[in-house]
Amino acid sequence: MLGNTILAMVQLALYGGAALLALNLTDTADLVGSIIPASGWFLVFFLFGFLILAAIWAVLGSLASRPEDLNNNSTPVMALIFAALFVGLFASGQLLVVASYLPVVSSVAMPIRVLNSPVALWEPLLSLVIALAAAVALLHVGEKIYRRAVMQGGGALSLRKAIKLEQ
């Protein structure tokens, strides 16, 4: 999880560097001043959102005893992630405010709020604390499931079955 997070941040830095270079080469660098405050928050929320998604995949991986099991478990989660990101991108008004505090959705919604409207400093900080707590809780669930299910053989292990297993 740590390696993938580092690679994602390096990739994001490369994209950001390429974008800044393109802005300078096309003489549109004056537009950057309006997005700099939100871009810092975007980087932080990207990191926390990536950690949450990695924790979700860790939980799914702990349920899978074979690669085929992971494919079966991942479809509903991918649909949920796409729905959350869709809400984060296209929400407005009070829905955007609520979405900016929901883990995964907040990684998109809060930077949009920071870019488009004045937001008190405590709001993104609270959203980050909630996101970090969600990531830690998901990792704890994944660890617990893996510890309980490591000696289970056979077919796919459902979340309900894994939680009911004794340690």
C-alpha atoms as a PDB file:
ATOM      1  CA  MET A   1       0.000   0.000   0.000  1.00  0.00           C
ATOM      2  CA  LEU A   2       2.828   2.371   0.847  1.00  0.00           C
ATOM      3  CA  GLY A   3       4.642   1.681  -2.434  1.00  0.00           C
ATOM      4  CA  ASN A   4       1.516   2.292  -4.509  1.00  0.00           C
ATOM      5  CA  THR A   5       0.840   5.528  -2.627  1.00  0.00           C
ATOM      6  CA  ILE A   6       4.371   6.772  -3.301  1.00  0.00           C
ATOM      7  CA  LEU A   7       4.065   5.868  -6.991  1.00  0.00           C
ATOM      8  CA  ALA A   8       0.708   7.656  -7.243  1.00  0.00           C
ATOM      9  CA  MET A   9       2.156  10.815  -5.685  1.00  0.00           C
ATOM     10  CA  VAL A  10       5.170  10.731  -8.035  1.00  0.00           C
ATOM     11  CA  GLN A  11       2.841  10.277 -10.998  1.00  0.00           C
ATOM     12  CA  LEU A  12       0.693  13.199  -9.832  1.00  0.00           C
ATOM     13  CA  ALA A  13       3.818  15.358  -9.434  1.00  0.00           C
ATOM     14  CA  LEU A  14       4.877  14.494 -12.987  1.00  0.00           C
ATOM     15  CA  TYR A  15       1.442  15.442 -14.321  1.00  0.00           C
ATOM     16  CA  GLY A  16       1.524  18.678 -12.355  1.00  0.00           C
ATOM     17  CA  GLY A  17       5.006  19.480 -13.640  1.00  0.00           C
ATOM     18  CA  ALA A  18       3.929  18.805 -17.228  1.00  0.00           C
ATOM     19  CA  ALA A  19       0.876  21.035 -16.751  1.00  0.00           C
ATOM     20  CA  LEU A  20       2.999  23.888 -15.361  1.00  0.00           C
ATOM     21  CA  LEU A  21       5.439  23.518 -18.237  1.00  0.00           C
ATOM     22  CA  ALA A  22       2.581  23.613 -20.750  1.00  0.00           C
ATOM     23  CA  LEU A  23       1.155  26.735 -19.099  1.00  0.00           C
ATOM     24  CA  ASN A  24       4.526  28.478 -19.303  1.00  0.00           C
ATOM     25  CA  LEU A  25       5.085  27.459 -22.926  1.00  0.00           C
ATOM     26  CA  THR A  26       1.668  28.752 -23.989  1.00  0.00           C
ATOM     27  CA  ASP A  27       1.938  32.065 -22.104  1.00  0.00           C
ATOM     28  CA  THR A  28      -1.088  31.272 -19.920  1.00  0.00           C
ATOM     29  CA  ALA A  29       0.832  31.042 -16.651  1.00  0.00           C
ATOM     30  CA  ASP A  30      -1.107  34.026 -15.277  1.00  0.00           C
ATOM     31  CA  LEU A  31      -4.111  31.687 -14.864  1.00  0.00           C
ATOM     32  CA  VAL A  32      -2.214  29.613 -12.298  1.00  0.00           C
ATOM     33  CA  GLY A  33      -2.573  32.230  -9.560  1.00  0.00           C
ATOM     34  CA  SER A  34      -6.281  31.586  -9.232  1.00  0.00           C
ATOM     35  CA  ILE A  35      -5.928  27.822  -8.753  1.00  0.00           C
ATOM     36  CA  ILE A  36      -2.811  27.597  -6.548  1.00  0.00           C
ATOM     37  CA  PRO A  37      -4.670  27.642  -3.191  1.00  0.00           C
ATOM     38  CA  ALA A  38      -7.001  24.846  -4.265  1.00  0.00           C
ATOM     39  CA  SER A  39      -4.216  22.801  -5.879  1.00  0.00           C
ATOM     40  CA  GLY A  40      -2.421  22.422  -2.540  1.00  0.00           C
ATOM     41  CA  TRP A  41      -5.601  21.122  -0.975  1.00  0.00           C
ATOM     42  CA  PHE A  42      -6.143  18.877  -3.991  1.00  0.00           C
ATOM     43  CA  LEU A  43      -2.762  17.215  -3.440  1.00  0.00           C
ATOM     44  CA  VAL A  44      -3.514  16.558   0.224  1.00  0.00           C
ATOM     45  CA  PHE A  45      -7.019  15.273  -0.512  1.00  0.00           C
ATOM     46  CA  PHE A  46      -5.685  13.133  -3.352  1.00  0.00           C
ATOM     47  CA  LEU A  47      -3.272  11.499  -0.920  1.00  0.00           C
ATOM     48  CA  PHE A  48      -5.967  10.841   1.688  1.00  0.00           C
ATOM     49  CA  GLY A  49      -8.460   9.660  -0.938  1.00  0.00           C
ATOM     50  CA  PHE A  50      -5.842   7.320  -2.365  1.00  0.00           C
ATOM     51  CA  LEU A  51      -5.170   5.928   1.113  1.00  0.00           C
ATOM     52  CA  ILE A  52      -8.882   5.239   1.599  1.00  0.00           C
ATOM     53  CA  LEU A  53      -9.138   3.488  -1.769  1.00  0.00           C
ATOM     54  CA  ALA A  54      -6.024   1.449  -0.986  1.00  0.00           C
ATOM     55  CA  ALA A  55      -7.580   0.458   2.342  1.00  0.00           C
ATOM     56  CA  ILE A  56     -10.778  -0.612   0.548  1.00  0.00           C
ATOM     57  CA  TRP A  57      -8.715  -2.775  -1.797  1.00  0.00           C
ATOM     58  CA  ALA A  58      -6.854  -4.205   1.197  1.00  0.00           C
ATOM     59  CA  VAL A  59     -10.185  -5.291   2.696  1.00  0.00           C
ATOM     60  CA  LEU A  60     -11.204  -6.871  -0.619  1.00  0.00           C
ATOM     61  CA  GLY A  61      -7.826  -8.565  -0.902  1.00  0.00           C
ATOM     62  CA  SER A  62      -8.203 -10.035   2.571  1.00  0.00           C
ATOM     63  CA  LEU A  63     -11.476 -11.646   1.472  1.00  0.00           C
ATOM     64  CA  ALA A  64      -9.970 -13.279  -1.612  1.00  0.00           C
ATOM     65  CA  SER A  65      -8.276 -16.634  -1.421  1.00  0.00           C
ATOM     66  CA  ARG A  66      -7.818 -16.713  -5.220  1.00  0.00           C
ATOM     67  CA  PRO A  67      -7.480 -13.966  -7.852  1.00  0.00           C
ATOM     68  CA  GLU A  68     -10.889 -14.923  -9.247  1.00  0.00           C
ATOM     69  CA  ASP A  69     -12.493 -14.115  -5.901  1.00  0.00           C
ATOM     70  CA  LEU A  70     -11.130 -10.576  -6.068  1.00  0.00           C
ATOM     71  CA  ASN A  71     -12.764 -10.050  -9.465  1.00  0.00           C
ATOM     72  CA  ASN A  72     -16.152 -11.061  -8.055  1.00  0.00           C
ATOM     73  CA  ASN A  73     -15.811  -8.778  -5.017  1.00  0.00           C
ATOM     74  CA  SER A  74     -14.517  -5.735  -6.857  1.00  0.00           C
ATOM     75  CA  THR A  75     -17.450  -4.972  -9.186  1.00  0.00           C
ATOM     76  CA  PRO A  76     -19.825  -3.555  -6.540  1.00  0.00           C
ATOM     77  CA  VAL A  77     -17.006  -1.606  -4.923  1.00  0.00           C
ATOM     78  CA  MET A  78     -15.960  -0.080  -8.257  1.00  0.00           C
ATOM     79  CA  ALA A  79     -19.569   0.958  -8.904  1.00  0.00           C
ATOM     80  CA  LEU A  80     -19.692   2.599  -5.473  1.00  0.00           C
ATOM     81  CA  ILE A  81     -16.398   4.410  -6.064  1.00  0.00           C
ATOM     82  CA  PHE A  82     -17.547   5.724  -9.455  1.00  0.00           C
ATOM     83  CA  ALA A  83     -20.847   6.873  -7.959  1.00  0.00           C
ATOM     84  CA  ALA A  84     -19.035   8.652  -5.126  1.00  0.00           C
ATOM     85  CA  LEU A  85     -16.664  10.414  -7.489  1.00  0.00           C
ATOM     86  CA  PHE A  86     -19.551  11.379  -9.773  1.00  0.00           C
ATOM     87  CA  VAL A  87     -21.331  12.963  -6.792  1.00  0.00           C
ATOM     88  CA  GLY A  88     -18.125  14.733  -5.779  1.00  0.00           C
ATOM     89  CA  LEU A  89     -17.664  16.210  -9.246  1.00  0.00           C
ATOM     90  CA  PHE A  90     -21.233  17.240 -10.004  1.00  0.00           C
ATOM     91  CA  ALA A  91     -22.777  18.058  -6.629  1.00  0.00           C
ATOM     92  CA  SER A  92     -23.660  21.636  -5.802  1.00  0.00           C
ATOM     93  CA  GLY A  93     -25.093  23.621  -2.934  1.00  0.00           C
ATOM     94  CA  GLN A  94     -25.792  21.786   0.309  1.00  0.00           C
ATOM     95  CA  LEU A  95     -25.115  18.392  -1.300  1.00  0.00           C
ATOM     96  CA  LEU A  96     -21.567  19.538  -2.102  1.00  0.00           C
ATOM     97  CA  VAL A  97     -21.078  20.661   1.508  1.00  0.00           C
ATOM     98  CA  VAL A  98     -22.214  17.271   2.827  1.00  0.00           C
ATOM     99  CA  ALA A  99     -20.178  15.421   0.193  1.00  0.00           C
ATOM    100  CA  SER A 100     -17.047  17.312   1.221  1.00  0.00           C
ATOM    101  CA  TYR A 101     -17.062  15.446   4.552  1.00  0.00           C
ATOM    102  CA  LEU A 102     -17.723  11.926   3.227  1.00  0.00           C
ATOM    103  CA  PRO A 103     -14.614   9.769   2.761  1.00  0.00           C
ATOM    104  CA  VAL A 104     -13.665   9.147  -0.887  1.00  0.00           C
ATOM    105  CA  VAL A 105     -16.181  11.770  -2.066  1.00  0.00           C
ATOM    106  CA  SER A 106     -14.385  14.426  -0.012  1.00  0.00           C
ATOM    107  CA  SER A 107     -11.204  13.918  -2.049  1.00  0.00           C
ATOM    108  CA  VAL A 108     -13.039  15.513  -4.976  1.00  0.00           C
ATOM    109  CA  ALA A 109     -15.714  17.644  -3.306  1.00  0.00           C
ATOM    110  CA  MET A 110     -13.620  19.605  -0.788  1.00  0.00           C
ATOM    111  CA  PRO A 111     -11.028  20.887  -3.311  1.00  0.00           C
ATOM    112  CA  ILE A 112     -13.941  21.988  -5.515  1.00  0.00           C
ATOM    113  CA  ARG A 113     -15.438  23.890  -2.565  1.00  0.00           C
ATOM    114  CA  VAL A 114     -12.076  25.482  -1.757  1.00  0.00           C
ATOM    115  CA  LEU A 115     -11.669  26.558  -5.386  1.00  0.00           C
ATOM    116  CA  ASN A 116     -15.179  27.942  -5.844  1.00  0.00           C
ATOM    117  CA  SER A 117     -16.123  29.482  -2.493  1.00  0.00           C
ATOM    118  CA  PRO A 118     -14.600  30.747   0.736  1.00  0.00           C
ATOM    119  CA  VAL A 119     -14.117  27.853   3.157  1.00  0.00           C
ATOM    120  CA  ALA A 120     -12.980  28.168   6.765  1.00  0.00           C
ATOM    121  CA  LEU A 121      -9.664  26.426   7.519  1.00  0.00           C
ATOM    122  CA  TRP A 122     -11.287  24.029   9.983  1.00  0.00           C
ATOM    123  CA  GLU A 123     -13.550  22.561   7.282  1.00  0.00           C
ATOM    124  CA  PRO A 124     -10.877  20.911   5.089  1.00  0.00           C
ATOM    125  CA  LEU A 125      -8.949  19.910   8.207  1.00  0.00           C
ATOM    126  CA  LEU A 126     -12.033  18.209   9.662  1.00  0.00           C
ATOM    127  CA  SER A 127     -12.658  16.490   6.349  1.00  0.00           C
ATOM    128  CA  LEU A 128      -9.065  15.193   6.330  1.00  0.00           C
ATOM    129  CA  VAL A 129      -9.409  13.875   9.897  1.00  0.00           C
ATOM    130  CA  ILE A 130     -12.593  12.023   8.904  1.00  0.00           C
ATOM    131  CA  ALA A 131     -10.871  10.602   5.813  1.00  0.00           C
ATOM    132  CA  LEU A 132      -7.854   9.458   7.825  1.00  0.00           C
ATOM    133  CA  ALA A 133     -10.104   7.852  10.444  1.00  0.00           C
ATOM    134  CA  ALA A 134     -11.968   6.004   7.671  1.00  0.00           C
ATOM    135  CA  ALA A 135      -8.699   4.738   6.168  1.00  0.00           C
ATOM    136  CA  VAL A 136      -7.432   3.534   9.554  1.00  0.00           C
ATOM    137  CA  ALA A 137     -10.771   1.840  10.322  1.00  0.00           C
ATOM    138  CA  LEU A 138     -10.792   0.099   6.936  1.00  0.00           C
ATOM    139  CA  LEU A 139      -7.226  -1.123   7.420  1.00  0.00           C
ATOM    140  CA  HIS A 140      -8.179  -2.442  10.844  1.00  0.00           C
ATOM    141  CA  VAL A 141     -11.166  -4.299   9.329  1.00  0.00           C
ATOM    142  CA  GLY A 142      -8.968  -5.709   6.560  1.00  0.00           C
ATOM    143  CA  GLU A 143      -6.365  -6.870   9.053  1.00  0.00           C
ATOM    144  CA  LYS A 144      -8.990  -8.500  11.249  1.00  0.00           C
ATOM    145  CA  ILE A 145     -10.589 -10.292   8.304  1.00  0.00           C
ATOM    146  CA  TYR A 146      -7.239 -11.461   6.984  1.00  0.00           C
ATOM    147  CA  ARG A 147      -6.144 -12.718  10.392  1.00  0.00           C
ATOM    148  CA  ARG A 148      -9.390 -14.665  10.765  1.00  0.00           C
ATOM    149  CA  ALA A 149      -9.531 -15.946   7.202  1.00  0.00           C
ATOM    150  CA  VAL A 150      -5.882 -16.826   6.568  1.00  0.00           C
ATOM    151  CA  MET A 151      -6.405 -20.500   7.390  1.00  0.00           C
ATOM    152  CA  GLN A 152      -9.675 -20.826   5.483  1.00  0.00           C
ATOM    153  CA  GLY A 153      -9.502 -22.795   2.272  1.00  0.00           C
ATOM    154  CA  GLY A 154     -11.915 -23.422  -0.514  1.00  0.00           C
ATOM    155  CA  GLY A 155     -14.140 -20.927  -2.229  1.00  0.00           C
ATOM    156  CA  ALA A 156     -14.664 -17.249  -1.849  1.00  0.00           C
ATOM    157  CA  LEU A 157     -15.103 -15.821   1.617  1.00  0.00           C
ATOM    158  CA  SER A 158     -17.907 -13.319   2.045  1.00  0.00           C
ATOM    159  CA  LEU A 159     -17.562 -10.345   4.337  1.00  0.00           C
ATOM    160  CA  ARG A 160     -20.311 -11.702   6.597  1.00  0.00           C
ATOM    161  CA  LYS A 161     -18.597 -15.110   6.868  1.00  0.00           C
ATOM    162  CA  ALA A 162     -15.193 -13.551   7.533  1.00  0.00           C
ATOM    163  CA  ILE A 163     -16.500 -11.411  10.379  1.00  0.00           C
ATOM    164  CA  LYS A 164     -18.219 -14.418  11.978  1.00  0.00           C
ATOM    165  CA  LEU A 165     -15.043 -16.526  11.923  1.00  0.00           C
ATOM    166  CA  GLU A 166     -13.278 -17.019  15.230  1.00  0.00           C
ATOM    167  CA  GLN A 167      -9.684 -15.918  15.571  1.00  0.00           C
END
